[in-house]
Amino acid sequence: MHAADIMHEGVVTVAPDDSVRQAIDVMVTEGYSQLPVVRDGRPQGVVSNSDVRQLDSESAGDLPVADAMRETITAVEPDATLDELNAHLNHQDAVMVVDDGRLVGIITEADVAAHMS
């Protein structure tokens, strides 16, 4: 089994220049606690509810997502094995699947667990 077999396609994302308020609205609407930050199809980072809570400003909602996101991302190719995914998910909440540098899917611990049962 490979990343391409279990990834979710059609990933909901935000752009680095979207406002933090827009990111919060998307997270609430979609029921996610974090979102990939993508520019021109390429992952730039991740923004989460906890990243937003760390912001100090009363006008935090007007800030660009780039000011709140974490630039560290974990990404694998579509042919990554289940062992590789498990190794990454031991340290991250989600793994982005990229093909030629472009985001094509995302995998969480729940996705792996569902395919192992």
PDB file of N, CA and C in Angstrom:
ATOM      1  N   MET A   1       0.840  -1.174   0.000  1.00  0.00           N
ATOM      2  CA  MET A   1       0.000   0.000   0.000  1.00  0.00           C
ATOM      3  C   MET A   1       0.895   1.250   0.000  1.00  0.00           C
ATOM      4  N   HIS A   2       0.485   2.236  -0.776  1.00  0.00           N
ATOM      5  CA  HIS A   2       1.264   3.466  -0.932  1.00  0.00           C
ATOM      6  C   HIS A   2       0.413   4.688  -0.600  1.00  0.00           C
ATOM      7  N   ALA A   3       1.075   5.813  -0.473  1.00  0.00           N
ATOM      8  CA  ALA A   3       0.388   7.061  -0.143  1.00  0.00           C
ATOM      9  C   ALA A   3      -0.755   7.348  -1.114  1.00  0.00           C
ATOM     10  N   ALA A   4      -0.533   7.118  -2.389  1.00  0.00           N
ATOM     11  CA  ALA A   4      -1.569   7.385  -3.392  1.00  0.00           C
ATOM     12  C   ALA A   4      -2.827   6.551  -3.161  1.00  0.00           C
ATOM     13  N   ASP A   5      -2.687   5.402  -2.508  1.00  0.00           N
ATOM     14  CA  ASP A   5      -3.825   4.511  -2.271  1.00  0.00           C
ATOM     15  C   ASP A   5      -4.740   5.003  -1.161  1.00  0.00           C
ATOM     16  N   ILE A   6      -4.210   5.792  -0.231  1.00  0.00           N
ATOM     17  CA  ILE A   6      -5.024   6.171   0.932  1.00  0.00           C
ATOM     18  C   ILE A   6      -5.178   7.686   1.118  1.00  0.00           C
ATOM     19  N   MET A   7      -4.534   8.476   0.287  1.00  0.00           N
ATOM     20  CA  MET A   7      -4.600   9.925   0.462  1.00  0.00           C
ATOM     21  C   MET A   7      -5.975  10.469   0.093  1.00  0.00           C
ATOM     22  N   HIS A   8      -6.289  11.603   0.697  1.00  0.00           N
ATOM     23  CA  HIS A   8      -7.490  12.358   0.333  1.00  0.00           C
ATOM     24  C   HIS A   8      -7.080  13.362  -0.726  1.00  0.00           C
ATOM     25  N   GLU A   9      -7.789  13.338  -1.827  1.00  0.00           N
ATOM     26  CA  GLU A   9      -7.539  14.309  -2.885  1.00  0.00           C
ATOM     27  C   GLU A   9      -8.488  15.484  -2.693  1.00  0.00           C
ATOM     28  N   GLY A  10      -8.316  16.516  -3.484  1.00  0.00           N
ATOM     29  CA  GLY A  10      -9.188  17.681  -3.348  1.00  0.00           C
ATOM     30  C   GLY A  10      -9.011  18.351  -1.998  1.00  0.00           C
ATOM     31  N   VAL A  11      -7.777  18.541  -1.602  1.00  0.00           N
ATOM     32  CA  VAL A  11      -7.443  19.071  -0.284  1.00  0.00           C
ATOM     33  C   VAL A  11      -7.928  20.518  -0.156  1.00  0.00           C
ATOM     34  N   VAL A  12      -8.569  20.807   0.962  1.00  0.00           N
ATOM     35  CA  VAL A  12      -9.004  22.160   1.268  1.00  0.00           C
ATOM     36  C   VAL A  12      -7.783  22.927   1.769  1.00  0.00           C
ATOM     37  N   THR A  13      -7.490  24.069   1.150  1.00  0.00           N
ATOM     38  CA  THR A  13      -6.285  24.831   1.470  1.00  0.00           C
ATOM     39  C   THR A  13      -6.609  26.315   1.615  1.00  0.00           C
ATOM     40  N   VAL A  14      -5.630  27.055   2.105  1.00  0.00           N
ATOM     41  CA  VAL A  14      -5.659  28.511   2.081  1.00  0.00           C
ATOM     42  C   VAL A  14      -4.347  28.992   1.487  1.00  0.00           C
ATOM     43  N   ALA A  15      -4.328  30.233   1.063  1.00  0.00           N
ATOM     44  CA  ALA A  15      -3.116  30.833   0.492  1.00  0.00           C
ATOM     45  C   ALA A  15      -2.406  31.666   1.552  1.00  0.00           C
ATOM     46  N   PRO A  16      -1.106  31.870   1.403  1.00  0.00           N
ATOM     47  CA  PRO A  16      -0.361  32.656   2.386  1.00  0.00           C
ATOM     48  C   PRO A  16      -0.884  34.085   2.551  1.00  0.00           C
ATOM     49  N   ASP A  17      -1.459  34.647   1.477  1.00  0.00           N
ATOM     50  CA  ASP A  17      -1.947  36.016   1.569  1.00  0.00           C
ATOM     51  C   ASP A  17      -3.426  36.116   1.939  1.00  0.00           C
ATOM     52  N   ASP A  18      -4.105  34.984   2.133  1.00  0.00           N
ATOM     53  CA  ASP A  18      -5.459  35.015   2.683  1.00  0.00           C
ATOM     54  C   ASP A  18      -5.376  35.536   4.111  1.00  0.00           C
ATOM     55  N   SER A  19      -6.455  36.105   4.607  1.00  0.00           N
ATOM     56  CA  SER A  19      -6.442  36.595   5.981  1.00  0.00           C
ATOM     57  C   SER A  19      -6.600  35.433   6.961  1.00  0.00           C
ATOM     58  N   VAL A  20      -6.112  35.642   8.161  1.00  0.00           N
ATOM     59  CA  VAL A  20      -6.290  34.650   9.218  1.00  0.00           C
ATOM     60  C   VAL A  20      -7.787  34.412   9.431  1.00  0.00           C
ATOM     61  N   ARG A  21      -8.589  35.459   9.335  1.00  0.00           N
ATOM     62  CA  ARG A  21     -10.044  35.320   9.479  1.00  0.00           C
ATOM     63  C   ARG A  21     -10.598  34.350   8.433  1.00  0.00           C
ATOM     64  N   GLN A  22     -10.123  34.465   7.189  1.00  0.00           N
ATOM     65  CA  GLN A  22     -10.565  33.543   6.137  1.00  0.00           C
ATOM     66  C   GLN A  22     -10.187  32.106   6.493  1.00  0.00           C
ATOM     67  N   ALA A  23      -8.983  31.902   6.993  1.00  0.00           N
ATOM     68  CA  ALA A  23      -8.534  30.557   7.370  1.00  0.00           C
ATOM     69  C   ALA A  23      -9.406  29.994   8.487  1.00  0.00           C
ATOM     70  N   ILE A  24      -9.715  30.819   9.478  1.00  0.00           N
ATOM     71  CA  ILE A  24     -10.581  30.370  10.577  1.00  0.00           C
ATOM     72  C   ILE A  24     -11.944  29.985  10.035  1.00  0.00           C
ATOM     73  N   ASP A  25     -12.501  30.811   9.154  1.00  0.00           N
ATOM     74  CA  ASP A  25     -13.812  30.510   8.570  1.00  0.00           C
ATOM     75  C   ASP A  25     -13.800  29.179   7.837  1.00  0.00           C
ATOM     76  N   VAL A  26     -12.742  28.919   7.071  1.00  0.00           N
ATOM     77  CA  VAL A  26     -12.639  27.654   6.335  1.00  0.00           C
ATOM     78  C   VAL A  26     -12.531  26.485   7.319  1.00  0.00           C
ATOM     79  N   MET A  27     -11.700  26.625   8.357  1.00  0.00           N
ATOM     80  CA  MET A  27     -11.549  25.543   9.336  1.00  0.00           C
ATOM     81  C   MET A  27     -12.877  25.235  10.025  1.00  0.00           C
ATOM     82  N   VAL A  28     -13.615  26.273  10.394  1.00  0.00           N
ATOM     83  CA  VAL A  28     -14.906  26.076  11.059  1.00  0.00           C
ATOM     84  C   VAL A  28     -15.904  25.429  10.096  1.00  0.00           C
ATOM     85  N   THR A  29     -16.000  25.962   8.891  1.00  0.00           N
ATOM     86  CA  THR A  29     -16.947  25.443   7.898  1.00  0.00           C
ATOM     87  C   THR A  29     -16.659  23.993   7.540  1.00  0.00           C
ATOM     88  N   GLU A  30     -15.384  23.667   7.349  1.00  0.00           N
ATOM     89  CA  GLU A  30     -14.998  22.322   6.916  1.00  0.00           C
ATOM     90  C   GLU A  30     -14.791  21.352   8.074  1.00  0.00           C
ATOM     91  N   GLY A  31     -14.694  21.873   9.300  1.00  0.00           N
ATOM     92  CA  GLY A  31     -14.500  21.010  10.461  1.00  0.00           C
ATOM     93  C   GLY A  31     -13.078  20.518  10.630  1.00  0.00           C
ATOM     94  N   TYR A  32     -12.100  21.315  10.197  1.00  0.00           N
ATOM     95  CA  TYR A  32     -10.691  20.958  10.313  1.00  0.00           C
ATOM     96  C   TYR A  32     -10.024  21.810  11.380  1.00  0.00           C
ATOM     97  N   SER A  33      -8.984  21.262  11.999  1.00  0.00           N
ATOM     98  CA  SER A  33      -8.228  22.029  12.982  1.00  0.00           C
ATOM     99  C   SER A  33      -6.954  22.605  12.387  1.00  0.00           C
ATOM    100  N   GLN A  34      -6.649  22.234  11.158  1.00  0.00           N
ATOM    101  CA  GLN A  34      -5.472  22.767  10.471  1.00  0.00           C
ATOM    102  C   GLN A  34      -5.700  22.700   8.965  1.00  0.00           C
ATOM    103  N   LEU A  35      -4.973  23.548   8.252  1.00  0.00           N
ATOM    104  CA  LEU A  35      -5.088  23.589   6.791  1.00  0.00           C
ATOM    105  C   LEU A  35      -3.709  23.753   6.163  1.00  0.00           C
ATOM    106  N   PRO A  36      -3.479  23.082   5.054  1.00  0.00           N
ATOM    107  CA  PRO A  36      -2.261  23.354   4.302  1.00  0.00           C
ATOM    108  C   PRO A  36      -2.321  24.763   3.714  1.00  0.00           C
ATOM    109  N   VAL A  37      -1.192  25.418   3.694  1.00  0.00           N
ATOM    110  CA  VAL A  37      -1.072  26.730   3.068  1.00  0.00           C
ATOM    111  C   VAL A  37      -0.353  26.500   1.741  1.00  0.00           C
ATOM    112  N   VAL A  38      -1.016  26.887   0.650  1.00  0.00           N
ATOM    113  CA  VAL A  38      -0.526  26.543  -0.691  1.00  0.00           C
ATOM    114  C   VAL A  38      -0.499  27.784  -1.578  1.00  0.00           C
ATOM    115  N   ARG A  39       0.587  27.923  -2.322  1.00  0.00           N
ATOM    116  CA  ARG A  39       0.691  28.988  -3.332  1.00  0.00           C
ATOM    117  C   ARG A  39       1.010  28.323  -4.665  1.00  0.00           C
ATOM    118  N   ASP A  40       0.193  28.608  -5.655  1.00  0.00           N
ATOM    119  CA  ASP A  40       0.393  28.053  -7.006  1.00  0.00           C
ATOM    120  C   ASP A  40       0.533  26.533  -6.983  1.00  0.00           C
ATOM    121  N   GLY A  41      -0.267  25.875  -6.137  1.00  0.00           N
ATOM    122  CA  GLY A  41      -0.271  24.417  -6.074  1.00  0.00           C
ATOM    123  C   GLY A  41       0.834  23.812  -5.241  1.00  0.00           C
ATOM    124  N   ARG A  42       1.734  24.640  -4.715  1.00  0.00           N
ATOM    125  CA  ARG A  42       2.887  24.146  -3.955  1.00  0.00           C
ATOM    126  C   ARG A  42       2.735  24.457  -2.469  1.00  0.00           C
ATOM    127  N   PRO A  43       2.881  23.435  -1.618  1.00  0.00           N
ATOM    128  CA  PRO A  43       2.750  23.647  -0.170  1.00  0.00           C
ATOM    129  C   PRO A  43       3.800  24.623   0.353  1.00  0.00           C
ATOM    130  N   GLN A  44       3.327  25.550   1.189  1.00  0.00           N
ATOM    131  CA  GLN A  44       4.203  26.543   1.811  1.00  0.00           C
ATOM    132  C   GLN A  44       4.309  26.339   3.316  1.00  0.00           C
ATOM    133  N   GLY A  45       3.293  25.682   3.886  1.00  0.00           N
ATOM    134  CA  GLY A  45       3.258  25.492   5.331  1.00  0.00           C
ATOM    135  C   GLY A  45       1.914  24.965   5.772  1.00  0.00           C
ATOM    136  N   VAL A  46       1.662  25.136   7.063  1.00  0.00           N
ATOM    137  CA  VAL A  46       0.411  24.683   7.676  1.00  0.00           C
ATOM    138  C   VAL A  46      -0.024  25.755   8.658  1.00  0.00           C
ATOM    139  N   VAL A  47      -1.318  26.010   8.720  1.00  0.00           N
ATOM    140  CA  VAL A  47      -1.862  26.903   9.741  1.00  0.00           C
ATOM    141  C   VAL A  47      -2.913  26.116  10.520  1.00  0.00           C
ATOM    142  N   SER A  48      -2.870  26.235  11.837  1.00  0.00           N
ATOM    143  CA  SER A  48      -3.798  25.488  12.688  1.00  0.00           C
ATOM    144  C   SER A  48      -4.482  26.418  13.679  1.00  0.00           C
ATOM    145  N   ASN A  49      -5.507  25.886  14.329  1.00  0.00           N
ATOM    146  CA  ASN A  49      -6.181  26.653  15.375  1.00  0.00           C
ATOM    147  C   ASN A  49      -5.194  27.091  16.442  1.00  0.00           C
ATOM    148  N   SER A  50      -4.271  26.217  16.817  1.00  0.00           N
ATOM    149  CA  SER A  50      -3.310  26.589  17.861  1.00  0.00           C
ATOM    150  C   SER A  50      -2.362  27.686  17.371  1.00  0.00           C
ATOM    151  N   ASP A  51      -2.010  27.701  16.089  1.00  0.00           N
ATOM    152  CA  ASP A  51      -1.184  28.786  15.547  1.00  0.00           C
ATOM    153  C   ASP A  51      -1.927  30.120  15.665  1.00  0.00           C
ATOM    154  N   VAL A  52      -3.212  30.091  15.351  1.00  0.00           N
ATOM    155  CA  VAL A  52      -4.025  31.304  15.407  1.00  0.00           C
ATOM    156  C   VAL A  52      -4.155  31.790  16.852  1.00  0.00           C
ATOM    157  N   ARG A  53      -4.344  30.860  17.787  1.00  0.00           N
ATOM    158  CA  ARG A  53      -4.473  31.242  19.198  1.00  0.00           C
ATOM    159  C   ARG A  53      -3.197  31.883  19.734  1.00  0.00           C
ATOM    160  N   GLN A  54      -2.055  31.598  19.140  1.00  0.00           N
ATOM    161  CA  GLN A  54      -0.777  32.149  19.583  1.00  0.00           C
ATOM    162  C   GLN A  54      -0.627  33.634  19.215  1.00  0.00           C
ATOM    163  N   LEU A  55      -1.443  34.096  18.277  1.00  0.00           N
ATOM    164  CA  LEU A  55      -1.336  35.488  17.847  1.00  0.00           C
ATOM    165  C   LEU A  55      -1.793  36.416  18.966  1.00  0.00           C
ATOM    166  N   ASP A  56      -1.093  37.501  19.139  1.00  0.00           N
ATOM    167  CA  ASP A  56      -1.311  38.414  20.254  1.00  0.00           C
ATOM    168  C   ASP A  56      -2.262  39.564  19.942  1.00  0.00           C
ATOM    169  N   SER A  57      -2.395  39.871  18.719  1.00  0.00           N
ATOM    170  CA  SER A  57      -3.055  41.098  18.311  1.00  0.00           C
ATOM    171  C   SER A  57      -4.574  40.990  18.287  1.00  0.00           C
ATOM    172  N   GLU A  58      -5.224  42.118  18.622  1.00  0.00           N
ATOM    173  CA  GLU A  58      -6.684  42.177  18.513  1.00  0.00           C
ATOM    174  C   GLU A  58      -7.106  42.129  17.046  1.00  0.00           C
ATOM    175  N   SER A  59      -6.227  42.562  16.161  1.00  0.00           N
ATOM    176  CA  SER A  59      -6.542  42.552  14.732  1.00  0.00           C
ATOM    177  C   SER A  59      -5.933  41.338  14.034  1.00  0.00           C
ATOM    178  N   ALA A  60      -5.718  40.259  14.782  1.00  0.00           N
ATOM    179  CA  ALA A  60      -5.090  39.064  14.223  1.00  0.00           C
ATOM    180  C   ALA A  60      -5.849  38.538  13.011  1.00  0.00           C
ATOM    181  N   GLY A  61      -7.162  38.684  13.003  1.00  0.00           N
ATOM    182  CA  GLY A  61      -7.963  38.202  11.884  1.00  0.00           C
ATOM    183  C   GLY A  61      -7.630  38.870  10.573  1.00  0.00           C
ATOM    184  N   ASP A  62      -7.096  40.086  10.654  1.00  0.00           N
ATOM    185  CA  ASP A  62      -6.745  40.823   9.443  1.00  0.00           C
ATOM    186  C   ASP A  62      -5.343  40.496   8.929  1.00  0.00           C
ATOM    187  N   LEU A  63      -4.559  39.807   9.744  1.00  0.00           N
ATOM    188  CA  LEU A  63      -3.201  39.441   9.329  1.00  0.00           C
ATOM    189  C   LEU A  63      -3.241  38.407   8.216  1.00  0.00           C
ATOM    190  N   PRO A  64      -2.212  38.365   7.373  1.00  0.00           N
ATOM    191  CA  PRO A  64      -2.147  37.297   6.374  1.00  0.00           C
ATOM    192  C   PRO A  64      -1.799  35.963   7.041  1.00  0.00           C
ATOM    193  N   VAL A  65      -2.272  34.897   6.467  1.00  0.00           N
ATOM    194  CA  VAL A  65      -1.984  33.558   6.974  1.00  0.00           C
ATOM    195  C   VAL A  65      -0.478  33.350   7.107  1.00  0.00           C
ATOM    196  N   ALA A  66       0.302  33.940   6.222  1.00  0.00           N
ATOM    197  CA  ALA A  66       1.762  33.797   6.265  1.00  0.00           C
ATOM    198  C   ALA A  66       2.338  34.207   7.614  1.00  0.00           C
ATOM    199  N   ASP A  67       1.666  35.123   8.319  1.00  0.00           N
ATOM    200  CA  ASP A  67       2.144  35.569   9.628  1.00  0.00           C
ATOM    201  C   ASP A  67       1.819  34.576  10.742  1.00  0.00           C
ATOM    202  N   ALA A  68       0.926  33.643  10.492  1.00  0.00           N
ATOM    203  CA  ALA A  68       0.502  32.693  11.527  1.00  0.00           C
ATOM    204  C   ALA A  68       0.955  31.265  11.250  1.00  0.00           C
ATOM    205  N   MET A  69       1.264  30.955  10.006  1.00  0.00           N
ATOM    206  CA  MET A  69       1.541  29.568   9.619  1.00  0.00           C
ATOM    207  C   MET A  69       2.910  29.092  10.089  1.00  0.00           C
ATOM    208  N   ARG A  70       3.020  27.770  10.160  1.00  0.00           N
ATOM    209  CA  ARG A  70       4.311  27.112  10.378  1.00  0.00           C
ATOM    210  C   ARG A  70       4.818  26.692   9.010  1.00  0.00           C
ATOM    211  N   GLU A  71       6.060  27.005   8.727  1.00  0.00           N
ATOM    212  CA  GLU A  71       6.617  26.675   7.412  1.00  0.00           C
ATOM    213  C   GLU A  71       7.118  25.245   7.325  1.00  0.00           C
ATOM    214  N   THR A  72       7.248  24.600   8.450  1.00  0.00           N
ATOM    215  CA  THR A  72       7.711  23.214   8.452  1.00  0.00           C
ATOM    216  C   THR A  72       6.559  22.314   8.028  1.00  0.00           C
ATOM    217  N   ILE A  73       6.788  21.567   6.968  1.00  0.00           N
ATOM    218  CA  ILE A  73       5.766  20.623   6.504  1.00  0.00           C
ATOM    219  C   ILE A  73       6.416  19.262   6.303  1.00  0.00           C
ATOM    220  N   THR A  74       5.590  18.252   6.372  1.00  0.00           N
ATOM    221  CA  THR A  74       6.041  16.906   6.073  1.00  0.00           C
ATOM    222  C   THR A  74       5.353  16.491   4.780  1.00  0.00           C
ATOM    223  N   ALA A  75       6.158  16.150   3.797  1.00  0.00           N
ATOM    224  CA  ALA A  75       5.614  15.787   2.499  1.00  0.00           C
ATOM    225  C   ALA A  75       6.274  14.508   2.006  1.00  0.00           C
ATOM    226  N   VAL A  76       5.476  13.708   1.308  1.00  0.00           N
ATOM    227  CA  VAL A  76       5.962  12.471   0.699  1.00  0.00           C
ATOM    228  C   VAL A  76       5.478  12.416  -0.741  1.00  0.00           C
ATOM    229  N   GLU A  77       6.103  11.567  -1.519  1.00  0.00           N
ATOM    230  CA  GLU A  77       5.676  11.315  -2.894  1.00  0.00           C
ATOM    231  C   GLU A  77       4.521  10.305  -2.871  1.00  0.00           C
ATOM    232  N   PRO A  78       3.729  10.230  -3.924  1.00  0.00           N
ATOM    233  CA  PRO A  78       2.609   9.284  -3.963  1.00  0.00           C
ATOM    234  C   PRO A  78       3.011   7.819  -3.783  1.00  0.00           C
ATOM    235  N   ASP A  79       4.268   7.481  -4.087  1.00  0.00           N
ATOM    236  CA  ASP A  79       4.687   6.082  -3.949  1.00  0.00           C
ATOM    237  C   ASP A  79       5.294   5.772  -2.576  1.00  0.00           C
ATOM    238  N   ALA A  80       5.186   6.698  -1.621  1.00  0.00           N
ATOM    239  CA  ALA A  80       5.691   6.439  -0.265  1.00  0.00           C
ATOM    240  C   ALA A  80       4.956   5.242   0.342  1.00  0.00           C
ATOM    241  N   THR A  81       5.704   4.429   1.069  1.00  0.00           N
ATOM    242  CA  THR A  81       5.126   3.215   1.661  1.00  0.00           C
ATOM    243  C   THR A  81       4.415   3.520   2.972  1.00  0.00           C
ATOM    244  N   LEU A  82       3.638   2.556   3.424  1.00  0.00           N
ATOM    245  CA  LEU A  82       2.936   2.666   4.693  1.00  0.00           C
ATOM    246  C   LEU A  82       3.926   2.847   5.843  1.00  0.00           C
ATOM    247  N   ASP A  83       5.058   2.166   5.789  1.00  0.00           N
ATOM    248  CA  ASP A  83       6.085   2.327   6.823  1.00  0.00           C
ATOM    249  C   ASP A  83       6.601   3.768   6.859  1.00  0.00           C
ATOM    250  N   GLU A  84       6.825   4.348   5.696  1.00  0.00           N
ATOM    251  CA  GLU A  84       7.278   5.744   5.641  1.00  0.00           C
ATOM    252  C   GLU A  84       6.219   6.675   6.226  1.00  0.00           C
ATOM    253  N   LEU A  85       4.974   6.450   5.863  1.00  0.00           N
ATOM    254  CA  LEU A  85       3.881   7.285   6.378  1.00  0.00           C
ATOM    255  C   LEU A  85       3.791   7.187   7.896  1.00  0.00           C
ATOM    256  N   ASN A  86       3.853   5.959   8.408  1.00  0.00           N
ATOM    257  CA  ASN A  86       3.792   5.764   9.859  1.00  0.00           C
ATOM    258  C   ASN A  86       4.929   6.487  10.566  1.00  0.00           C
ATOM    259  N   ALA A  87       6.114   6.445  10.002  1.00  0.00           N
ATOM    260  CA  ALA A  87       7.263   7.122  10.611  1.00  0.00           C
ATOM    261  C   ALA A  87       7.015   8.633  10.698  1.00  0.00           C
ATOM    262  N   HIS A  88       6.454   9.205   9.655  1.00  0.00           N
ATOM    263  CA  HIS A  88       6.157  10.642   9.671  1.00  0.00           C
ATOM    264  C   HIS A  88       5.018  10.956  10.626  1.00  0.00           C
ATOM    265  N   LEU A  89       3.992  10.114  10.619  1.00  0.00           N
ATOM    266  CA  LEU A  89       2.817  10.383  11.455  1.00  0.00           C
ATOM    267  C   LEU A  89       3.094  10.173  12.940  1.00  0.00           C
ATOM    268  N   ASN A  90       4.219   9.557  13.272  1.00  0.00           N
ATOM    269  CA  ASN A  90       4.608   9.465  14.677  1.00  0.00           C
ATOM    270  C   ASN A  90       4.984  10.838  15.231  1.00  0.00           C
ATOM    271  N   HIS A  91       5.271  11.797  14.326  1.00  0.00           N
ATOM    272  CA  HIS A  91       5.726  13.116  14.750  1.00  0.00           C
ATOM    273  C   HIS A  91       4.855  14.257  14.229  1.00  0.00           C
ATOM    274  N   GLN A  92       3.951  13.971  13.308  1.00  0.00           N
ATOM    275  CA  GLN A  92       3.113  14.997  12.685  1.00  0.00           C
ATOM    276  C   GLN A  92       1.652  14.548  12.690  1.00  0.00           C
ATOM    277  N   ASP A  93       0.741  15.525  12.632  1.00  0.00           N
ATOM    278  CA  ASP A  93      -0.686  15.216  12.581  1.00  0.00           C
ATOM    279  C   ASP A  93      -1.136  14.804  11.186  1.00  0.00           C
ATOM    280  N   ALA A  94      -0.415  15.278  10.188  1.00  0.00           N
ATOM    281  CA  ALA A  94      -0.794  14.987   8.806  1.00  0.00           C
ATOM    282  C   ALA A  94       0.452  15.032   7.928  1.00  0.00           C
ATOM    283  N   VAL A  95       0.354  14.339   6.803  1.00  0.00           N
ATOM    284  CA  VAL A  95       1.432  14.310   5.817  1.00  0.00           C
ATOM    285  C   VAL A  95       0.847  14.747   4.482  1.00  0.00           C
ATOM    286  N   MET A  96       1.497  15.703   3.845  1.00  0.00           N
ATOM    287  CA  MET A  96       1.054  16.136   2.522  1.00  0.00           C
ATOM    288  C   MET A  96       1.683  15.233   1.474  1.00  0.00           C
ATOM    289  N   VAL A  97       0.917  14.922   0.465  1.00  0.00           N
ATOM    290  CA  VAL A  97       1.414  14.110  -0.644  1.00  0.00           C
ATOM    291  C   VAL A  97       1.638  15.063  -1.822  1.00  0.00           C
ATOM    292  N   VAL A  98       2.870  15.085  -2.307  1.00  0.00           N
ATOM    293  CA  VAL A  98       3.223  15.983  -3.396  1.00  0.00           C
ATOM    294  C   VAL A  98       3.762  15.181  -4.578  1.00  0.00           C
ATOM    295  N   ASP A  99       3.441  15.659  -5.754  1.00  0.00           N
ATOM    296  CA  ASP A  99       3.951  15.060  -6.981  1.00  0.00           C
ATOM    297  C   ASP A  99       4.552  16.192  -7.795  1.00  0.00           C
ATOM    298  N   ASP A 100       5.834  16.109  -8.059  1.00  0.00           N
ATOM    299  CA  ASP A 100       6.557  17.161  -8.763  1.00  0.00           C
ATOM    300  C   ASP A 100       6.405  18.503  -8.041  1.00  0.00           C
ATOM    301  N   GLY A 101       6.411  18.454  -6.687  1.00  0.00           N
ATOM    302  CA  GLY A 101       6.334  19.653  -5.870  1.00  0.00           C
ATOM    303  C   GLY A 101       4.948  20.218  -5.667  1.00  0.00           C
ATOM    304  N   ARG A 102       3.945  19.625  -6.298  1.00  0.00           N
ATOM    305  CA  ARG A 102       2.572  20.130  -6.207  1.00  0.00           C
ATOM    306  C   ARG A 102       1.735  19.239  -5.289  1.00  0.00           C
ATOM    307  N   LEU A 103       0.920  19.872  -4.468  1.00  0.00           N
ATOM    308  CA  LEU A 103       0.063  19.141  -3.540  1.00  0.00           C
ATOM    309  C   LEU A 103      -0.996  18.347  -4.292  1.00  0.00           C
ATOM    310  N   VAL A 104      -1.042  17.032  -4.037  1.00  0.00           N
ATOM    311  CA  VAL A 104      -2.038  16.176  -4.682  1.00  0.00           C
ATOM    312  C   VAL A 104      -2.927  15.460  -3.678  1.00  0.00           C
ATOM    313  N   GLY A 105      -2.545  15.485  -2.396  1.00  0.00           N
ATOM    314  CA  GLY A 105      -3.350  14.803  -1.384  1.00  0.00           C
ATOM    315  C   GLY A 105      -2.819  15.045   0.015  1.00  0.00           C
ATOM    316  N   ILE A 106      -3.550  14.515   0.980  1.00  0.00           N
ATOM    317  CA  ILE A 106      -3.148  14.618   2.380  1.00  0.00           C
ATOM    318  C   ILE A 106      -3.543  13.334   3.093  1.00  0.00           C
ATOM    319  N   ILE A 107      -2.753  12.960   4.088  1.00  0.00           N
ATOM    320  CA  ILE A 107      -3.005  11.724   4.846  1.00  0.00           C
ATOM    321  C   ILE A 107      -2.873  12.050   6.332  1.00  0.00           C
ATOM    322  N   THR A 108      -3.835  11.550   7.126  1.00  0.00           N
ATOM    323  CA  THR A 108      -3.789  11.696   8.585  1.00  0.00           C
ATOM    324  C   THR A 108      -3.642  10.322   9.222  1.00  0.00           C
ATOM    325  N   GLU A 109      -3.417  10.312  10.530  1.00  0.00           N
ATOM    326  CA  GLU A 109      -3.318   9.052  11.256  1.00  0.00           C
ATOM    327  C   GLU A 109      -4.590   8.217  11.071  1.00  0.00           C
ATOM    328  N   ALA A 110      -5.738   8.870  11.085  1.00  0.00           N
ATOM    329  CA  ALA A 110      -7.010   8.168  10.933  1.00  0.00           C
ATOM    330  C   ALA A 110      -7.099   7.459   9.582  1.00  0.00           C
ATOM    331  N   ASP A 111      -6.552   8.071   8.542  1.00  0.00           N
ATOM    332  CA  ASP A 111      -6.566   7.455   7.211  1.00  0.00           C
ATOM    333  C   ASP A 111      -5.754   6.169   7.202  1.00  0.00           C
ATOM    334  N   VAL A 112      -4.581   6.207   7.819  1.00  0.00           N
ATOM    335  CA  VAL A 112      -3.727   5.019   7.877  1.00  0.00           C
ATOM    336  C   VAL A 112      -4.398   3.932   8.707  1.00  0.00           C
ATOM    337  N   ALA A 113      -4.938   4.310   9.857  1.00  0.00           N
ATOM    338  CA  ALA A 113      -5.593   3.342  10.732  1.00  0.00           C
ATOM    339  C   ALA A 113      -6.761   2.667  10.031  1.00  0.00           C
ATOM    340  N   ALA A 114      -7.525   3.427   9.274  1.00  0.00           N
ATOM    341  CA  ALA A 114      -8.682   2.862   8.558  1.00  0.00           C
ATOM    342  C   ALA A 114      -8.254   1.835   7.536  1.00  0.00           C
ATOM    343  N   HIS A 115      -7.083   2.004   6.946  1.00  0.00           N
ATOM    344  CA  HIS A 115      -6.627   1.064   5.925  1.00  0.00           C
ATOM    345  C   HIS A 115      -5.865  -0.110   6.507  1.00  0.00           C
ATOM    346  N   MET A 116      -5.548  -0.045   7.793  1.00  0.00           N
ATOM    347  CA  MET A 116      -4.828  -1.141   8.424  1.00  0.00           C
ATOM    348  C   MET A 116      -5.800  -2.131   9.067  1.00  0.00           C
ATOM    349  N   SER A 117      -7.040  -1.717   9.260  1.00  0.00           N
ATOM    350  CA  SER A 117      -7.991  -2.609   9.943  1.00  0.00           C
ATOM    351  C   SER A 117      -8.693  -3.538   8.985  1.00  0.00           C
TER     352      SER A 117
END
